[in-house]
Amino acid sequence: YIEAKARERLQMVKRGERQVILIAPNKE
């Protein structure tokens, strides 16, 4: 759970992984 929240909130990744952030506008 701690790892999942760190990945979600802090946008952390493990070594060797690449982080891709998609910025898509919301419906409004």
mmCIF file of all heavy atoms, coordinates in Angstrom:
data_MODEL
# 
_entry.id   MODEL 
# 
loop_
_atom_site.group_PDB 
_atom_site.id 
_atom_site.type_symbol 
_atom_site.label_atom_id 
_atom_site.label_alt_id 
_atom_site.label_comp_id 
_atom_site.label_asym_id 
_atom_site.label_entity_id 
_atom_site.label_seq_id 
_atom_site.pdbx_PDB_ins_code 
_atom_site.Cartn_x 
_atom_site.Cartn_y 
_atom_site.Cartn_z 
_atom_site.occupancy 
_atom_site.B_iso_or_equiv 
_atom_site.pdbx_formal_charge 
_atom_site.auth_seq_id 
_atom_site.auth_comp_id 
_atom_site.auth_asym_id 
_atom_site.auth_atom_id 
_atom_site.pdbx_PDB_model_num 
ATOM 1   N N   . TYR A 1 1  ? 0.839   -1.201 0.000   1.00 0.00 ? 1  TYR A N   1 
ATOM 2   C CA  . TYR A 1 1  ? 0.000   0.000  0.000   1.00 0.00 ? 1  TYR A CA  1 
ATOM 3   C C   . TYR A 1 1  ? 0.874   1.251  0.000   1.00 0.00 ? 1  TYR A C   1 
ATOM 4   O O   . TYR A 1 1  ? 0.602   2.208  -0.732  1.00 0.00 ? 1  TYR A O   1 
ATOM 5   C CB  . TYR A 1 1  ? -0.922  -0.017 1.221   1.00 0.00 ? 1  TYR A CB  1 
ATOM 6   C CG  . TYR A 1 1  ? -1.781  1.214  1.353   1.00 0.00 ? 1  TYR A CG  1 
ATOM 7   C CD1 . TYR A 1 1  ? -2.947  1.358  0.616   1.00 0.00 ? 1  TYR A CD1 1 
ATOM 8   C CD2 . TYR A 1 1  ? -1.416  2.251  2.203   1.00 0.00 ? 1  TYR A CD2 1 
ATOM 9   C CE1 . TYR A 1 1  ? -3.732  2.491  0.720   1.00 0.00 ? 1  TYR A CE1 1 
ATOM 10  C CE2 . TYR A 1 1  ? -2.193  3.391  2.325   1.00 0.00 ? 1  TYR A CE2 1 
ATOM 11  C CZ  . TYR A 1 1  ? -3.355  3.502  1.585   1.00 0.00 ? 1  TYR A CZ  1 
ATOM 12  O OH  . TYR A 1 1  ? -4.123  4.626  1.696   1.00 0.00 ? 1  TYR A OH  1 
ATOM 13  N N   . ILE A 1 2  ? 1.929   1.227  0.810   1.00 0.00 ? 2  ILE A N   1 
ATOM 14  C CA  . ILE A 1 2  ? 2.839   2.377  0.885   1.00 0.00 ? 2  ILE A CA  1 
ATOM 15  C C   . ILE A 1 2  ? 3.498   2.618  -0.472  1.00 0.00 ? 2  ILE A C   1 
ATOM 16  O O   . ILE A 1 2  ? 3.599   3.752  -0.946  1.00 0.00 ? 2  ILE A O   1 
ATOM 17  C CB  . ILE A 1 2  ? 3.893   2.164  1.991   1.00 0.00 ? 2  ILE A CB  1 
ATOM 18  C CG1 . ILE A 1 2  ? 3.210   2.137  3.351   1.00 0.00 ? 2  ILE A CG1 1 
ATOM 19  C CG2 . ILE A 1 2  ? 4.967   3.233  1.930   1.00 0.00 ? 2  ILE A CG2 1 
ATOM 20  C CD1 . ILE A 1 2  ? 4.105   1.702  4.488   1.00 0.00 ? 2  ILE A CD1 1 
ATOM 21  N N   . GLU A 1 3  ? 3.914   1.551  -1.113  1.00 0.00 ? 3  GLU A N   1 
ATOM 22  C CA  . GLU A 1 3  ? 4.546   1.688  -2.427  1.00 0.00 ? 3  GLU A CA  1 
ATOM 23  C C   . GLU A 1 3  ? 3.551   2.232  -3.449  1.00 0.00 ? 3  GLU A C   1 
ATOM 24  O O   . GLU A 1 3  ? 3.891   3.119  -4.241  1.00 0.00 ? 3  GLU A O   1 
ATOM 25  C CB  . GLU A 1 3  ? 5.079   0.333  -2.903  1.00 0.00 ? 3  GLU A CB  1 
ATOM 26  C CG  . GLU A 1 3  ? 5.747   0.402  -4.250  1.00 0.00 ? 3  GLU A CG  1 
ATOM 27  C CD  . GLU A 1 3  ? 6.230   -0.959 -4.741  1.00 0.00 ? 3  GLU A CD  1 
ATOM 28  O OE1 . GLU A 1 3  ? 6.315   -1.902 -3.927  1.00 0.00 ? 3  GLU A OE1 1 
ATOM 29  O OE2 . GLU A 1 3  ? 6.523   -1.057 -5.940  1.00 0.00 ? 3  GLU A OE2 1 
ATOM 30  N N   . ALA A 1 4  ? 2.330   1.716  -3.446  1.00 0.00 ? 4  ALA A N   1 
ATOM 31  C CA  . ALA A 1 4  ? 1.332   2.178  -4.411  1.00 0.00 ? 4  ALA A CA  1 
ATOM 32  C C   . ALA A 1 4  ? 1.016   3.659  -4.209  1.00 0.00 ? 4  ALA A C   1 
ATOM 33  O O   . ALA A 1 4  ? 0.899   4.416  -5.181  1.00 0.00 ? 4  ALA A O   1 
ATOM 34  C CB  . ALA A 1 4  ? 0.052   1.343  -4.274  1.00 0.00 ? 4  ALA A CB  1 
ATOM 35  N N   . LYS A 1 5  ? 0.915   4.093  -2.957  1.00 0.00 ? 5  LYS A N   1 
ATOM 36  C CA  . LYS A 1 5  ? 0.625   5.505  -2.688  1.00 0.00 ? 5  LYS A CA  1 
ATOM 37  C C   . LYS A 1 5  ? 1.819   6.391  -3.068  1.00 0.00 ? 5  LYS A C   1 
ATOM 38  O O   . LYS A 1 5  ? 1.640   7.499  -3.552  1.00 0.00 ? 5  LYS A O   1 
ATOM 39  C CB  . LYS A 1 5  ? 0.259   5.720  -1.214  1.00 0.00 ? 5  LYS A CB  1 
ATOM 40  C CG  . LYS A 1 5  ? -1.129  5.250  -0.881  1.00 0.00 ? 5  LYS A CG  1 
ATOM 41  C CD  . LYS A 1 5  ? -2.145  5.989  -1.712  1.00 0.00 ? 5  LYS A CD  1 
ATOM 42  C CE  . LYS A 1 5  ? -3.527  5.488  -1.478  1.00 0.00 ? 5  LYS A CE  1 
ATOM 43  N NZ  . LYS A 1 5  ? -4.534  6.108  -2.319  1.00 0.00 ? 5  LYS A NZ  1 
ATOM 44  N N   . ALA A 1 6  ? 3.037   5.903  -2.841  1.00 0.00 ? 6  ALA A N   1 
ATOM 45  C CA  . ALA A 1 6  ? 4.221   6.678  -3.218  1.00 0.00 ? 6  ALA A CA  1 
ATOM 46  C C   . ALA A 1 6  ? 4.286   6.838  -4.737  1.00 0.00 ? 6  ALA A C   1 
ATOM 47  O O   . ALA A 1 6  ? 4.614   7.910  -5.242  1.00 0.00 ? 6  ALA A O   1 
ATOM 48  C CB  . ALA A 1 6  ? 5.489   6.002  -2.701  1.00 0.00 ? 6  ALA A CB  1 
ATOM 49  N N   . ARG A 1 7  ? 3.960   5.781  -5.449  1.00 0.00 ? 7  ARG A N   1 
ATOM 50  C CA  . ARG A 1 7  ? 3.960   5.866  -6.907  1.00 0.00 ? 7  ARG A CA  1 
ATOM 51  C C   . ARG A 1 7  ? 2.873   6.839  -7.381  1.00 0.00 ? 7  ARG A C   1 
ATOM 52  O O   . ARG A 1 7  ? 3.084   7.613  -8.305  1.00 0.00 ? 7  ARG A O   1 
ATOM 53  C CB  . ARG A 1 7  ? 3.705   4.496  -7.531  1.00 0.00 ? 7  ARG A CB  1 
ATOM 54  C CG  . ARG A 1 7  ? 4.884   3.572  -7.440  1.00 0.00 ? 7  ARG A CG  1 
ATOM 55  C CD  . ARG A 1 7  ? 4.481   2.176  -7.945  1.00 0.00 ? 7  ARG A CD  1 
ATOM 56  N NE  . ARG A 1 7  ? 5.616   1.331  -8.068  1.00 0.00 ? 7  ARG A NE  1 
ATOM 57  C CZ  . ARG A 1 7  ? 6.341   1.190  -9.188  1.00 0.00 ? 7  ARG A CZ  1 
ATOM 58  N NH1 . ARG A 1 7  ? 6.019   1.859  -10.261 1.00 0.00 ? 7  ARG A NH1 1 
ATOM 59  N NH2 . ARG A 1 7  ? 7.375   0.395  -9.212  1.00 0.00 ? 7  ARG A NH2 1 
ATOM 60  N N   . GLU A 1 8  ? 1.708   6.773  -6.743  1.00 0.00 ? 8  GLU A N   1 
ATOM 61  C CA  . GLU A 1 8  ? 0.576   7.599  -7.174  1.00 0.00 ? 8  GLU A CA  1 
ATOM 62  C C   . GLU A 1 8  ? 0.767   9.065  -6.799  1.00 0.00 ? 8  GLU A C   1 
ATOM 63  O O   . GLU A 1 8  ? 0.673   9.947  -7.649  1.00 0.00 ? 8  GLU A O   1 
ATOM 64  C CB  . GLU A 1 8  ? -0.700  7.066  -6.518  1.00 0.00 ? 8  GLU A CB  1 
ATOM 65  C CG  . GLU A 1 8  ? -1.941  7.874  -6.800  1.00 0.00 ? 8  GLU A CG  1 
ATOM 66  C CD  . GLU A 1 8  ? -3.130  7.362  -6.014  1.00 0.00 ? 8  GLU A CD  1 
ATOM 67  O OE1 . GLU A 1 8  ? -3.178  6.168  -5.679  1.00 0.00 ? 8  GLU A OE1 1 
ATOM 68  O OE2 . GLU A 1 8  ? -4.007  8.192  -5.715  1.00 0.00 ? 8  GLU A OE2 1 
ATOM 69  N N   . ARG A 1 9  ? 1.037   9.339  -5.534  1.00 0.00 ? 9  ARG A N   1 
ATOM 70  C CA  . ARG A 1 9  ? 1.088   10.727 -5.063  1.00 0.00 ? 9  ARG A CA  1 
ATOM 71  C C   . ARG A 1 9  ? 2.403   11.418 -5.365  1.00 0.00 ? 9  ARG A C   1 
ATOM 72  O O   . ARG A 1 9  ? 2.428   12.588 -5.750  1.00 0.00 ? 9  ARG A O   1 
ATOM 73  C CB  . ARG A 1 9  ? 0.855   10.773 -3.553  1.00 0.00 ? 9  ARG A CB  1 
ATOM 74  C CG  . ARG A 1 9  ? -0.553  10.422 -3.156  1.00 0.00 ? 9  ARG A CG  1 
ATOM 75  C CD  . ARG A 1 9  ? -0.717  10.574 -1.669  1.00 0.00 ? 9  ARG A CD  1 
ATOM 76  N NE  . ARG A 1 9  ? -2.040  10.157 -1.246  1.00 0.00 ? 9  ARG A NE  1 
ATOM 77  C CZ  . ARG A 1 9  ? -2.400  10.013 0.003   1.00 0.00 ? 9  ARG A CZ  1 
ATOM 78  N NH1 . ARG A 1 9  ? -1.530  10.269 0.967   1.00 0.00 ? 9  ARG A NH1 1 
ATOM 79  N NH2 . ARG A 1 9  ? -3.603  9.628  0.313   1.00 0.00 ? 9  ARG A NH2 1 
ATOM 80  N N   . LEU A 1 10 ? 3.500   10.723 -5.161  1.00 0.00 ? 10 LEU A N   1 
ATOM 81  C CA  . LEU A 1 10 ? 4.810   11.346 -5.318  1.00 0.00 ? 10 LEU A CA  1 
ATOM 82  C C   . LEU A 1 10 ? 5.422   11.087 -6.683  1.00 0.00 ? 10 LEU A C   1 
ATOM 83  O O   . LEU A 1 10 ? 6.530   11.545 -6.960  1.00 0.00 ? 10 LEU A O   1 
ATOM 84  C CB  . LEU A 1 10 ? 5.755   10.847 -4.216  1.00 0.00 ? 10 LEU A CB  1 
ATOM 85  C CG  . LEU A 1 10 ? 5.253   11.056 -2.782  1.00 0.00 ? 10 LEU A CG  1 
ATOM 86  C CD1 . LEU A 1 10 ? 6.211   10.422 -1.792  1.00 0.00 ? 10 LEU A CD1 1 
ATOM 87  C CD2 . LEU A 1 10 ? 5.075   12.527 -2.497  1.00 0.00 ? 10 LEU A CD2 1 
ATOM 88  N N   . GLN A 1 11 ? 4.742   10.319 -7.499  1.00 0.00 ? 11 GLN A N   1 
ATOM 89  C CA  . GLN A 1 11 ? 5.193   9.978  -8.842  1.00 0.00 ? 11 GLN A CA  1 
ATOM 90  C C   . GLN A 1 11 ? 6.592   9.364  -8.813  1.00 0.00 ? 11 GLN A C   1 
ATOM 91  O O   . GLN A 1 11 ? 7.469   9.715  -9.587  1.00 0.00 ? 11 GLN A O   1 
ATOM 92  C CB  . GLN A 1 11 ? 5.146   11.213 -9.739  1.00 0.00 ? 11 GLN A CB  1 
ATOM 93  C CG  . GLN A 1 11 ? 3.758   11.779 -9.863  1.00 0.00 ? 11 GLN A CG  1 
ATOM 94  C CD  . GLN A 1 11 ? 3.721   13.075 -10.626 1.00 0.00 ? 11 GLN A CD  1 
ATOM 95  O OE1 . GLN A 1 11 ? 4.749   13.639 -10.973 1.00 0.00 ? 11 GLN A OE1 1 
ATOM 96  N NE2 . GLN A 1 11 ? 2.519   13.555 -10.898 1.00 0.00 ? 11 GLN A NE2 1 
ATOM 97  N N   . MET A 1 12 ? 6.779   8.442  -7.892  1.00 0.00 ? 12 MET A N   1 
ATOM 98  C CA  . MET A 1 12 ? 8.067   7.764  -7.760  1.00 0.00 ? 12 MET A CA  1 
ATOM 99  C C   . MET A 1 12 ? 8.084   6.534  -8.659  1.00 0.00 ? 12 MET A C   1 
ATOM 100 O O   . MET A 1 12 ? 7.065   5.911  -8.911  1.00 0.00 ? 12 MET A O   1 
ATOM 101 C CB  . MET A 1 12 ? 8.307   7.362  -6.306  1.00 0.00 ? 12 MET A CB  1 
ATOM 102 C CG  . MET A 1 12 ? 8.423   8.544  -5.360  1.00 0.00 ? 12 MET A CG  1 
ATOM 103 S SD  . MET A 1 12 ? 8.688   8.043  -3.677  1.00 0.00 ? 12 MET A SD  1 
ATOM 104 C CE  . MET A 1 12 ? 10.401  7.571  -3.750  1.00 0.00 ? 12 MET A CE  1 
ATOM 105 N N   . VAL A 1 13 ? 9.281   6.184  -9.125  1.00 0.00 ? 13 VAL A N   1 
ATOM 106 C CA  . VAL A 1 13 ? 9.455   4.998  -9.957  1.00 0.00 ? 13 VAL A CA  1 
ATOM 107 C C   . VAL A 1 13 ? 10.647  4.212  -9.425  1.00 0.00 ? 13 VAL A C   1 
ATOM 108 O O   . VAL A 1 13 ? 11.528  4.742  -8.747  1.00 0.00 ? 13 VAL A O   1 
ATOM 109 C CB  . VAL A 1 13 ? 9.683   5.371  -11.437 1.00 0.00 ? 13 VAL A CB  1 
ATOM 110 C CG1 . VAL A 1 13 ? 8.438   5.985  -12.029 1.00 0.00 ? 13 VAL A CG1 1 
ATOM 111 C CG2 . VAL A 1 13 ? 10.863  6.275  -11.603 1.00 0.00 ? 13 VAL A CG2 1 
ATOM 112 N N   . LYS A 1 14 ? 10.660  2.921  -9.742  1.00 0.00 ? 14 LYS A N   1 
ATOM 113 C CA  . LYS A 1 14 ? 11.805  2.088  -9.354  1.00 0.00 ? 14 LYS A CA  1 
ATOM 114 C C   . LYS A 1 14 ? 12.935  2.304  -10.357 1.00 0.00 ? 14 LYS A C   1 
ATOM 115 O O   . LYS A 1 14 ? 12.725  2.807  -11.463 1.00 0.00 ? 14 LYS A O   1 
ATOM 116 C CB  . LYS A 1 14 ? 11.392  0.615  -9.348  1.00 0.00 ? 14 LYS A CB  1 
ATOM 117 C CG  . LYS A 1 14 ? 10.438  0.263  -8.238  1.00 0.00 ? 14 LYS A CG  1 
ATOM 118 C CD  . LYS A 1 14 ? 10.144  -1.219 -8.259  1.00 0.00 ? 14 LYS A CD  1 
ATOM 119 C CE  . LYS A 1 14 ? 9.208   -1.602 -7.141  1.00 0.00 ? 14 LYS A CE  1 
ATOM 120 N NZ  . LYS A 1 14 ? 8.889   -3.027 -7.162  1.00 0.00 ? 14 LYS A NZ  1 
ATOM 121 N N   . ARG A 1 15 ? 14.131  1.873  -9.986  1.00 0.00 ? 15 ARG A N   1 
ATOM 122 C CA  . ARG A 1 15 ? 15.268  1.983  -10.896 1.00 0.00 ? 15 ARG A CA  1 
ATOM 123 C C   . ARG A 1 15 ? 15.003  1.147  -12.136 1.00 0.00 ? 15 ARG A C   1 
ATOM 124 O O   . ARG A 1 15 ? 14.512  0.019  -12.047 1.00 0.00 ? 15 ARG A O   1 
ATOM 125 C CB  . ARG A 1 15 ? 16.543  1.488  -10.225 1.00 0.00 ? 15 ARG A CB  1 
ATOM 126 C CG  . ARG A 1 15 ? 17.021  2.457  -9.199  1.00 0.00 ? 15 ARG A CG  1 
ATOM 127 C CD  . ARG A 1 15 ? 18.437  2.165  -8.812  1.00 0.00 ? 15 ARG A CD  1 
ATOM 128 N NE  . ARG A 1 15 ? 18.857  3.196  -7.876  1.00 0.00 ? 15 ARG A NE  1 
ATOM 129 C CZ  . ARG A 1 15 ? 19.667  2.995  -6.879  1.00 0.00 ? 15 ARG A CZ  1 
ATOM 130 N NH1 . ARG A 1 15 ? 20.185  1.795  -6.685  1.00 0.00 ? 15 ARG A NH1 1 
ATOM 131 N NH2 . ARG A 1 15 ? 19.995  3.971  -6.083  1.00 0.00 ? 15 ARG A NH2 1 
ATOM 132 N N   . GLY A 1 16 ? 15.332  1.712  -13.257 1.00 0.00 ? 16 GLY A N   1 
ATOM 133 C CA  . GLY A 1 16 ? 15.147  1.005  -14.517 1.00 0.00 ? 16 GLY A CA  1 
ATOM 134 C C   . GLY A 1 16 ? 13.787  1.273  -15.149 1.00 0.00 ? 16 GLY A C   1 
ATOM 135 O O   . GLY A 1 16 ? 13.586  0.949  -16.310 1.00 0.00 ? 16 GLY A O   1 
ATOM 136 N N   . GLU A 1 17 ? 12.846  1.831  -14.410 1.00 0.00 ? 17 GLU A N   1 
ATOM 137 C CA  . GLU A 1 17 ? 11.534  2.144  -14.976 1.00 0.00 ? 17 GLU A CA  1 
ATOM 138 C C   . GLU A 1 17 ? 11.558  3.564  -15.529 1.00 0.00 ? 17 GLU A C   1 
ATOM 139 O O   . GLU A 1 17 ? 12.320  4.406  -15.073 1.00 0.00 ? 17 GLU A O   1 
ATOM 140 C CB  . GLU A 1 17 ? 10.436  2.052  -13.904 1.00 0.00 ? 17 GLU A CB  1 
ATOM 141 C CG  . GLU A 1 17 ? 10.155  0.662  -13.425 1.00 0.00 ? 17 GLU A CG  1 
ATOM 142 C CD  . GLU A 1 17 ? 9.029   0.631  -12.388 1.00 0.00 ? 17 GLU A CD  1 
ATOM 143 O OE1 . GLU A 1 17 ? 8.633   1.698  -11.893 1.00 0.00 ? 17 GLU A OE1 1 
ATOM 144 O OE2 . GLU A 1 17 ? 8.569   -0.462 -12.069 1.00 0.00 ? 17 GLU A OE2 1 
ATOM 145 N N   . ARG A 1 18 ? 10.714  3.799  -16.512 1.00 0.00 ? 18 ARG A N   1 
ATOM 146 C CA  . ARG A 1 18 ? 10.598  5.136  -17.072 1.00 0.00 ? 18 ARG A CA  1 
ATOM 147 C C   . ARG A 1 18 ? 9.211   5.657  -16.710 1.00 0.00 ? 18 ARG A C   1 
ATOM 148 O O   . ARG A 1 18 ? 8.219   4.949  -16.827 1.00 0.00 ? 18 ARG A O   1 
ATOM 149 C CB  . ARG A 1 18 ? 10.726  5.105  -18.587 1.00 0.00 ? 18 ARG A CB  1 
ATOM 150 C CG  . ARG A 1 18 ? 12.102  4.748  -19.041 1.00 0.00 ? 18 ARG A CG  1 
ATOM 151 C CD  . ARG A 1 18 ? 12.181  4.846  -20.521 1.00 0.00 ? 18 ARG A CD  1 
ATOM 152 N NE  . ARG A 1 18 ? 13.151  5.873  -20.837 1.00 0.00 ? 18 ARG A NE  1 
ATOM 153 C CZ  . ARG A 1 18 ? 13.320  6.371  -22.019 1.00 0.00 ? 18 ARG A CZ  1 
ATOM 154 N NH1 . ARG A 1 18 ? 12.557  5.993  -23.008 1.00 0.00 ? 18 ARG A NH1 1 
ATOM 155 N NH2 . ARG A 1 18 ? 14.243  7.273  -22.229 1.00 0.00 ? 18 ARG A NH2 1 
ATOM 156 N N   . GLN A 1 19 ? 9.184   6.878  -16.294 1.00 0.00 ? 19 GLN A N   1 
ATOM 157 C CA  . GLN A 1 19 ? 7.917   7.479  -15.919 1.00 0.00 ? 19 GLN A CA  1 
ATOM 158 C C   . GLN A 1 19 ? 7.366   8.278  -17.086 1.00 0.00 ? 19 GLN A C   1 
ATOM 159 O O   . GLN A 1 19 ? 8.077   9.084  -17.695 1.00 0.00 ? 19 GLN A O   1 
ATOM 160 C CB  . GLN A 1 19 ? 8.104   8.386  -14.711 1.00 0.00 ? 19 GLN A CB  1 
ATOM 161 C CG  . GLN A 1 19 ? 6.816   8.962  -14.212 1.00 0.00 ? 19 GLN A CG  1 
ATOM 162 C CD  . GLN A 1 19 ? 7.019   9.769  -12.947 1.00 0.00 ? 19 GLN A CD  1 
ATOM 163 O OE1 . GLN A 1 19 ? 8.115   10.186 -12.647 1.00 0.00 ? 19 GLN A OE1 1 
ATOM 164 N NE2 . GLN A 1 19 ? 5.954   9.973  -12.223 1.00 0.00 ? 19 GLN A NE2 1 
ATOM 165 N N   . VAL A 1 20 ? 6.118   8.036  -17.394 1.00 0.00 ? 20 VAL A N   1 
ATOM 166 C CA  . VAL A 1 20 ? 5.443   8.764  -18.457 1.00 0.00 ? 20 VAL A CA  1 
ATOM 167 C C   . VAL A 1 20 ? 4.221   9.419  -17.832 1.00 0.00 ? 20 VAL A C   1 
ATOM 168 O O   . VAL A 1 20 ? 3.393   8.754  -17.214 1.00 0.00 ? 20 VAL A O   1 
ATOM 169 C CB  . VAL A 1 20 ? 5.014   7.824  -19.605 1.00 0.00 ? 20 VAL A CB  1 
ATOM 170 C CG1 . VAL A 1 20 ? 4.246   8.587  -20.667 1.00 0.00 ? 20 VAL A CG1 1 
ATOM 171 C CG2 . VAL A 1 20 ? 6.218   7.130  -20.200 1.00 0.00 ? 20 VAL A CG2 1 
ATOM 172 N N   . ILE A 1 21 ? 4.132   10.722 -17.987 1.00 0.00 ? 21 ILE A N   1 
ATOM 173 C CA  . ILE A 1 21 ? 2.993   11.454 -17.442 1.00 0.00 ? 21 ILE A CA  1 
ATOM 174 C C   . ILE A 1 21 ? 2.192   11.996 -18.610 1.00 0.00 ? 21 ILE A C   1 
ATOM 175 O O   . ILE A 1 21 ? 2.701   12.745 -19.440 1.00 0.00 ? 21 ILE A O   1 
ATOM 176 C CB  . ILE A 1 21 ? 3.462   12.611 -16.534 1.00 0.00 ? 21 ILE A CB  1 
ATOM 177 C CG1 . ILE A 1 21 ? 4.252   12.062 -15.362 1.00 0.00 ? 21 ILE A CG1 1 
ATOM 178 C CG2 . ILE A 1 21 ? 2.270   13.419 -16.049 1.00 0.00 ? 21 ILE A CG2 1 
ATOM 179 C CD1 . ILE A 1 21 ? 4.838   13.124 -14.469 1.00 0.00 ? 21 ILE A CD1 1 
ATOM 180 N N   . LEU A 1 22 ? 0.944   11.593 -18.675 1.00 0.00 ? 22 LEU A N   1 
ATOM 181 C CA  . LEU A 1 22 ? 0.043   12.078 -19.710 1.00 0.00 ? 22 LEU A CA  1 
ATOM 182 C C   . LEU A 1 22 ? -0.810  13.173 -19.104 1.00 0.00 ? 22 LEU A C   1 
ATOM 183 O O   . LEU A 1 22 ? -1.445  12.984 -18.076 1.00 0.00 ? 22 LEU A O   1 
ATOM 184 C CB  . LEU A 1 22 ? -0.854  10.951 -20.214 1.00 0.00 ? 22 LEU A CB  1 
ATOM 185 C CG  . LEU A 1 22 ? -0.135  9.776  -20.874 1.00 0.00 ? 22 LEU A CG  1 
ATOM 186 C CD1 . LEU A 1 22 ? -1.138  8.703  -21.238 1.00 0.00 ? 22 LEU A CD1 1 
ATOM 187 C CD2 . LEU A 1 22 ? 0.598   10.245 -22.106 1.00 0.00 ? 22 LEU A CD2 1 
ATOM 188 N N   . ILE A 1 23 ? -0.791  14.297 -19.740 1.00 0.00 ? 23 ILE A N   1 
ATOM 189 C CA  . ILE A 1 23 ? -1.611  15.397 -19.264 1.00 0.00 ? 23 ILE A CA  1 
ATOM 190 C C   . ILE A 1 23 ? -2.774  15.534 -20.230 1.00 0.00 ? 23 ILE A C   1 
ATOM 191 O O   . ILE A 1 23 ? -2.624  16.039 -21.343 1.00 0.00 ? 23 ILE A O   1 
ATOM 192 C CB  . ILE A 1 23 ? -0.804  16.702 -19.188 1.00 0.00 ? 23 ILE A CB  1 
ATOM 193 C CG1 . ILE A 1 23 ? 0.377   16.525 -18.253 1.00 0.00 ? 23 ILE A CG1 1 
ATOM 194 C CG2 . ILE A 1 23 ? -1.698  17.844 -18.736 1.00 0.00 ? 23 ILE A CG2 1 
ATOM 195 C CD1 . ILE A 1 23 ? 1.295   17.714 -18.206 1.00 0.00 ? 23 ILE A CD1 1 
ATOM 196 N N   . ALA A 1 24 ? -3.897  15.052 -19.810 1.00 0.00 ? 24 ALA A N   1 
ATOM 197 C CA  . ALA A 1 24 ? -5.091  15.120 -20.635 1.00 0.00 ? 24 ALA A CA  1 
ATOM 198 C C   . ALA A 1 24 ? -6.090  16.020 -19.915 1.00 0.00 ? 24 ALA A C   1 
ATOM 199 O O   . ALA A 1 24 ? -6.260  15.931 -18.703 1.00 0.00 ? 24 ALA A O   1 
ATOM 200 C CB  . ALA A 1 24 ? -5.690  13.734 -20.824 1.00 0.00 ? 24 ALA A CB  1 
ATOM 201 N N   . PRO A 1 25 ? -6.723  16.897 -20.665 1.00 0.00 ? 25 PRO A N   1 
ATOM 202 C CA  . PRO A 1 25 ? -7.688  17.778 -20.007 1.00 0.00 ? 25 PRO A CA  1 
ATOM 203 C C   . PRO A 1 25 ? -8.900  16.976 -19.522 1.00 0.00 ? 25 PRO A C   1 
ATOM 204 O O   . PRO A 1 25 ? -9.301  15.996 -20.158 1.00 0.00 ? 25 PRO A O   1 
ATOM 205 C CB  . PRO A 1 25 ? -8.076  18.772 -21.102 1.00 0.00 ? 25 PRO A CB  1 
ATOM 206 C CG  . PRO A 1 25 ? -7.762  18.085 -22.378 1.00 0.00 ? 25 PRO A CG  1 
ATOM 207 C CD  . PRO A 1 25 ? -6.624  17.156 -22.081 1.00 0.00 ? 25 PRO A CD  1 
ATOM 208 N N   . ASN A 1 26 ? -9.431  17.415 -18.407 1.00 0.00 ? 26 ASN A N   1 
ATOM 209 C CA  . ASN A 1 26 ? -10.625 16.719 -17.929 1.00 0.00 ? 26 ASN A CA  1 
ATOM 210 C C   . ASN A 1 26 ? -11.837 17.202 -18.728 1.00 0.00 ? 26 ASN A C   1 
ATOM 211 O O   . ASN A 1 26 ? -11.735 18.066 -19.599 1.00 0.00 ? 26 ASN A O   1 
ATOM 212 C CB  . ASN A 1 26 ? -10.817 16.933 -16.426 1.00 0.00 ? 26 ASN A CB  1 
ATOM 213 C CG  . ASN A 1 26 ? -10.958 18.383 -16.047 1.00 0.00 ? 26 ASN A CG  1 
ATOM 214 O OD1 . ASN A 1 26 ? -11.286 19.205 -16.877 1.00 0.00 ? 26 ASN A OD1 1 
ATOM 215 N ND2 . ASN A 1 26 ? -10.713 18.685 -14.786 1.00 0.00 ? 26 ASN A ND2 1 
ATOM 216 N N   . LYS A 1 27 ? -12.977 16.644 -18.430 1.00 0.00 ? 27 LYS A N   1 
ATOM 217 C CA  . LYS A 1 27 ? -14.177 16.901 -19.217 1.00 0.00 ? 27 LYS A CA  1 
ATOM 218 C C   . LYS A 1 27 ? -14.577 18.382 -19.187 1.00 0.00 ? 27 LYS A C   1 
ATOM 219 O O   . LYS A 1 27 ? -14.925 18.956 -20.218 1.00 0.00 ? 27 LYS A O   1 
ATOM 220 C CB  . LYS A 1 27 ? -15.319 16.040 -18.683 1.00 0.00 ? 27 LYS A CB  1 
ATOM 221 C CG  . LYS A 1 27 ? -16.531 16.008 -19.542 1.00 0.00 ? 27 LYS A CG  1 
ATOM 222 C CD  . LYS A 1 27 ? -17.536 15.006 -19.010 1.00 0.00 ? 27 LYS A CD  1 
ATOM 223 C CE  . LYS A 1 27 ? -18.705 14.870 -19.950 1.00 0.00 ? 27 LYS A CE  1 
ATOM 224 N NZ  . LYS A 1 27 ? -19.654 13.866 -19.523 1.00 0.00 ? 27 LYS A NZ  1 
ATOM 225 N N   . GLU A 1 28 ? -14.494 19.007 -18.010 1.00 0.00 ? 28 GLU A N   1 
ATOM 226 C CA  . GLU A 1 28 ? -14.871 20.411 -17.900 1.00 0.00 ? 28 GLU A CA  1 
ATOM 227 C C   . GLU A 1 28 ? -13.935 21.296 -18.712 1.00 0.00 ? 28 GLU A C   1 
ATOM 228 O O   . GLU A 1 28 ? -14.376 22.250 -19.377 1.00 0.00 ? 28 GLU A O   1 
ATOM 229 C CB  . GLU A 1 28 ? -14.866 20.871 -16.432 1.00 0.00 ? 28 GLU A CB  1 
ATOM 230 C CG  . GLU A 1 28 ? -15.932 20.222 -15.571 1.00 0.00 ? 28 GLU A CG  1 
ATOM 231 C CD  . GLU A 1 28 ? -15.501 18.881 -15.011 1.00 0.00 ? 28 GLU A CD  1 
ATOM 232 O OE1 . GLU A 1 28 ? -14.280 18.625 -14.951 1.00 0.00 ? 28 GLU A OE1 1 
ATOM 233 O OE2 . GLU A 1 28 ? -16.382 18.093 -14.660 1.00 0.00 ? 28 GLU A OE2 1 
# 
